[in-house]
Amino acid sequence: MNLNKFLISFCFIFLTTSSIAEYKFGRDYGSLSRPLPIKKDGIVDVVEVFWYGCGHCYNLEPVVENWAKKQDSGVNFKKMPVTWSSAHQLHAKLFYTIEALGIGDKAHTAVFTAIHKEANYLASEDAILSFLEKLGVERSKAIKYMNSFSVKQKVKRAVELSRQFKVTAVPMIFVDGQYRIEAKRSHSEMLKVVDHVIDLQKPVS
């Protein structure tokens, strides 16, 4: 092997190794003390825990939605509202009501806009019902869904998972119920760490 070939091979190995070692466990992502069971169905579950009232979550929204559209069938992305207090749980109720109504494509963005651009904090059920009416949902229908067993159970499950995952800040992303990625850097960098952890998790999912 001549010198040029040796240098090219060395540079390739160095760059590949650097890429793999770019993100480190304990620094860029961590594990859960009480992880969820791995389903072993070939699909990596990715969960973004957020709050409508969080400015960072508002800014991350278009970035993470664009990222989610690029994922293949081996990644299942979903959002979970944080449930720290009664105010957060009210917004969690709104989130799951929107999902149940099947209007997530337009309504989630509308909620963020109402809170962060229009100073409508949706701080009561009446404010939420009025907001949903403006989106074309009849008040009686919105009340029915908001108070449904399904929505209540999903909020309850979100409360349980928030505690199990020890969510202390938002946005926070969890991969397969095993790993936690916090928003320590830019949004694009956060999602690069998520990509890295997904690649690590795929062989065992």
Protein backbone atom coordinates (compact mmCIF):
# COMPACT_ATOMS: atom_id res chain seq x y z
CA MET A 1 0.00 0.00 0.00
CA ASN A 2 1.53 3.33 -1.01
CA LEU A 3 1.47 6.41 1.21
CA ASN A 4 -1.49 8.08 -0.54
CA LYS A 5 -3.69 5.00 -0.21
CA PHE A 6 -2.69 4.65 3.43
CA LEU A 7 -3.59 8.26 4.20
CA ILE A 8 -6.96 7.96 2.42
CA SER A 9 -7.79 4.78 4.33
CA PHE A 10 -6.71 6.34 7.62
CA CYS A 11 -8.82 9.45 7.02
CA PHE A 12 -11.88 7.33 6.14
CA ILE A 13 -11.54 5.25 9.33
CA PHE A 14 -10.98 8.38 11.43
CA LEU A 15 -14.01 10.17 10.01
CA THR A 16 -16.24 7.11 10.42
CA THR A 17 -15.11 6.59 14.01
CA SER A 18 -15.56 10.29 14.77
CA SER A 19 -19.08 10.18 13.39
CA ILE A 20 -20.01 7.18 15.55
CA ALA A 21 -18.46 8.72 18.67
CA GLU A 22 -19.90 12.18 18.05
CA TYR A 23 -22.65 11.72 20.63
CA LYS A 24 -21.93 10.14 23.98
CA PHE A 25 -24.09 8.43 26.57
CA GLY A 26 -24.20 10.45 29.77
CA ARG A 27 -23.35 13.68 27.99
CA ASP A 28 -25.74 13.94 25.06
CA TYR A 29 -28.40 11.46 26.16
CA GLY A 30 -29.23 9.37 29.20
CA SER A 31 -31.13 6.26 30.19
CA LEU A 32 -34.25 5.85 32.32
CA SER A 33 -34.07 4.33 35.77
CA ARG A 34 -37.47 2.73 35.11
CA PRO A 35 -37.52 1.99 31.36
CA LEU A 36 -40.50 0.63 29.49
CA PRO A 37 -40.47 -2.96 28.18
CA ILE A 38 -39.07 -3.19 24.66
CA LYS A 39 -41.81 -4.43 22.33
CA LYS A 40 -39.39 -6.10 19.88
CA ASP A 41 -41.68 -5.45 16.94
CA GLY A 42 -39.03 -3.84 14.74
CA ILE A 43 -40.34 -0.34 15.45
CA VAL A 44 -38.60 2.29 17.57
CA ASP A 45 -41.07 4.48 19.46
CA VAL A 46 -40.07 8.13 19.77
CA VAL A 47 -42.06 10.34 22.16
CA GLU A 48 -41.74 14.11 22.43
CA VAL A 49 -43.00 15.39 25.78
CA PHE A 50 -44.14 18.98 25.40
CA TRP A 51 -46.41 21.72 26.68
CA TYR A 52 -48.42 24.08 24.50
CA GLY A 53 -47.38 27.01 26.70
CA CYS A 54 -43.64 26.30 26.37
CA GLY A 55 -41.78 28.72 24.09
CA HIS A 56 -39.10 26.18 23.24
CA CYS A 57 -41.79 23.60 22.35
CA TYR A 58 -43.47 26.20 20.13
CA ASN A 59 -40.21 26.83 18.27
CA LEU A 60 -39.42 23.11 18.03
CA GLU A 61 -42.86 22.22 16.62
CA PRO A 62 -42.23 22.88 12.88
CA VAL A 63 -38.73 21.41 13.10
CA VAL A 64 -39.80 18.16 14.75
CA GLU A 65 -42.82 17.80 12.45
CA ASN A 66 -40.56 18.10 9.41
CA TRP A 67 -38.18 15.57 10.98
CA ALA A 68 -41.05 13.15 11.69
CA LYS A 69 -42.19 13.22 8.04
CA LYS A 70 -38.78 11.96 6.96
CA GLN A 71 -38.78 8.87 9.18
CA ASP A 72 -39.31 5.42 7.72
CA SER A 73 -41.77 2.77 8.89
CA GLY A 74 -39.28 1.61 11.52
CA VAL A 75 -39.88 4.76 13.61
CA ASN A 76 -43.16 5.62 15.32
CA PHE A 77 -43.25 9.27 16.42
CA LYS A 78 -45.87 10.69 18.75
CA LYS A 79 -46.29 13.57 21.13
CA MET A 80 -47.23 13.43 24.80
CA PRO A 81 -48.33 16.49 26.78
CA VAL A 82 -46.65 17.10 30.12
CA THR A 83 -48.96 16.91 33.15
CA TRP A 84 -47.16 18.59 36.05
CA SER A 85 -50.02 20.71 37.36
CA SER A 86 -53.76 21.21 36.86
CA ALA A 87 -52.98 23.85 34.21
CA HIS A 88 -50.77 21.41 32.30
CA GLN A 89 -53.37 18.67 32.65
CA LEU A 90 -56.01 20.98 31.20
CA HIS A 91 -53.85 21.44 28.12
CA ALA A 92 -53.22 17.68 28.05
CA LYS A 93 -56.99 17.25 28.00
CA LEU A 94 -57.13 19.68 25.07
CA PHE A 95 -54.41 17.75 23.23
CA TYR A 96 -56.18 14.41 23.53
CA THR A 97 -59.54 15.98 22.66
CA ILE A 98 -58.01 17.35 19.46
CA GLU A 99 -56.58 13.91 18.69
CA ALA A 100 -59.96 12.25 19.33
CA LEU A 101 -61.69 14.75 17.06
CA GLY A 102 -59.19 13.99 14.30
CA ILE A 103 -58.27 17.63 13.72
CA GLY A 104 -54.64 17.49 14.80
CA ASP A 105 -53.24 18.62 11.45
CA LYS A 106 -54.63 22.12 11.91
CA ALA A 107 -55.58 22.35 15.58
CA HIS A 108 -52.22 21.71 17.28
CA THR A 109 -50.61 24.55 15.34
CA ALA A 110 -53.64 26.73 16.07
CA VAL A 111 -53.22 26.12 19.81
CA PHE A 112 -49.57 27.16 19.71
CA THR A 113 -50.49 30.25 17.70
CA ALA A 114 -53.31 31.22 20.06
CA ILE A 115 -51.04 31.01 23.10
CA HIS A 116 -47.82 32.46 21.72
CA LYS A 117 -49.09 34.95 19.15
CA GLU A 118 -52.54 35.97 20.37
CA ALA A 119 -52.06 35.81 24.16
CA ASN A 120 -55.01 33.44 24.44
CA TYR A 121 -53.67 31.08 27.10
CA LEU A 122 -56.64 28.71 26.99
CA ALA A 123 -56.61 28.63 30.79
CA SER A 124 -60.14 27.32 31.32
CA GLU A 125 -62.47 24.75 29.82
CA ASP A 126 -64.74 27.53 28.62
CA ALA A 127 -61.85 29.23 26.81
CA ILE A 128 -60.95 25.89 25.22
CA LEU A 129 -64.52 25.25 24.10
CA SER A 130 -64.73 28.72 22.55
CA PHE A 131 -61.41 28.09 20.80
CA LEU A 132 -62.60 24.75 19.39
CA GLU A 133 -65.82 26.40 18.19
CA LYS A 134 -63.73 28.79 16.11
CA LEU A 135 -62.15 25.72 14.50
CA GLY A 136 -65.59 24.48 13.51
CA VAL A 137 -66.24 22.05 16.36
CA GLU A 138 -69.70 22.24 17.89
CA ARG A 139 -69.59 23.00 21.61
CA SER A 140 -71.72 19.99 22.54
CA LYS A 141 -69.42 17.70 20.55
CA ALA A 142 -66.30 19.23 22.13
CA ILE A 143 -67.76 18.76 25.64
CA LYS A 144 -68.60 15.14 24.85
CA TYR A 145 -65.06 14.37 23.72
CA MET A 146 -63.34 16.35 26.48
CA ASN A 147 -65.24 14.43 29.14
CA SER A 148 -65.00 11.05 27.43
CA PHE A 149 -63.54 8.02 29.20
CA SER A 150 -60.91 7.68 26.46
CA VAL A 151 -59.55 11.22 26.88
CA LYS A 152 -59.54 10.91 30.68
CA GLN A 153 -57.61 7.64 30.49
CA LYS A 154 -55.03 9.11 28.12
CA VAL A 155 -54.46 12.06 30.45
CA LYS A 156 -54.11 9.62 33.35
CA ARG A 157 -51.57 7.57 31.37
CA ALA A 158 -49.63 10.72 30.52
CA VAL A 159 -49.48 11.57 34.23
CA GLU A 160 -48.10 8.10 34.98
CA LEU A 161 -45.51 8.21 32.22
CA SER A 162 -44.38 11.74 33.10
CA ARG A 163 -43.62 10.47 36.59
CA GLN A 164 -41.97 7.27 35.40
CA PHE A 165 -39.86 9.16 32.86
CA LYS A 166 -39.03 11.82 35.48
CA VAL A 167 -39.82 14.66 33.11
CA THR A 168 -38.28 17.78 34.65
CA ALA A 169 -38.30 20.06 31.62
CA VAL A 170 -39.80 20.33 28.15
CA PRO A 171 -39.27 19.69 25.35
CA MET A 172 -37.80 16.27 26.11
CA ILE A 173 -37.64 13.30 23.75
CA PHE A 174 -37.67 9.63 24.72
CA VAL A 175 -36.56 6.77 22.49
CA ASP A 176 -38.22 3.38 22.94
CA GLY A 177 -38.92 4.13 26.60
CA GLN A 178 -35.20 3.56 27.24
CA TYR A 179 -33.34 6.80 26.53
CA ARG A 180 -33.90 10.50 27.25
CA ILE A 181 -32.69 13.41 25.12
CA GLU A 182 -32.94 16.91 26.58
CA ALA A 183 -32.96 20.23 24.74
CA LYS A 184 -29.42 21.24 25.65
CA ARG A 185 -28.44 22.49 22.18
CA SER A 186 -30.19 23.73 19.05
CA HIS A 187 -33.34 21.95 17.89
CA SER A 188 -31.59 20.46 14.87
CA GLU A 189 -28.76 19.19 17.08
CA MET A 190 -31.26 17.67 19.50
CA LEU A 191 -32.82 15.71 16.65
CA LYS A 192 -29.40 14.56 15.44
CA VAL A 193 -28.89 13.02 18.87
CA VAL A 194 -32.32 11.40 18.54
CA ASP A 195 -31.28 9.95 15.15
CA HIS A 196 -28.11 8.58 16.75
CA VAL A 197 -30.02 6.89 19.59
CA ILE A 198 -32.62 5.49 17.16
CA ASP A 199 -29.78 3.85 15.19
CA LEU A 200 -28.46 2.35 18.42
CA GLN A 201 -31.88 1.05 19.41
CA LYS A 202 -33.07 -0.38 16.07
CA PRO A 203 -31.18 -3.71 16.33
CA VAL A 204 -32.94 -4.55 19.63
CA SER A 205 -36.42 -3.11 18.98
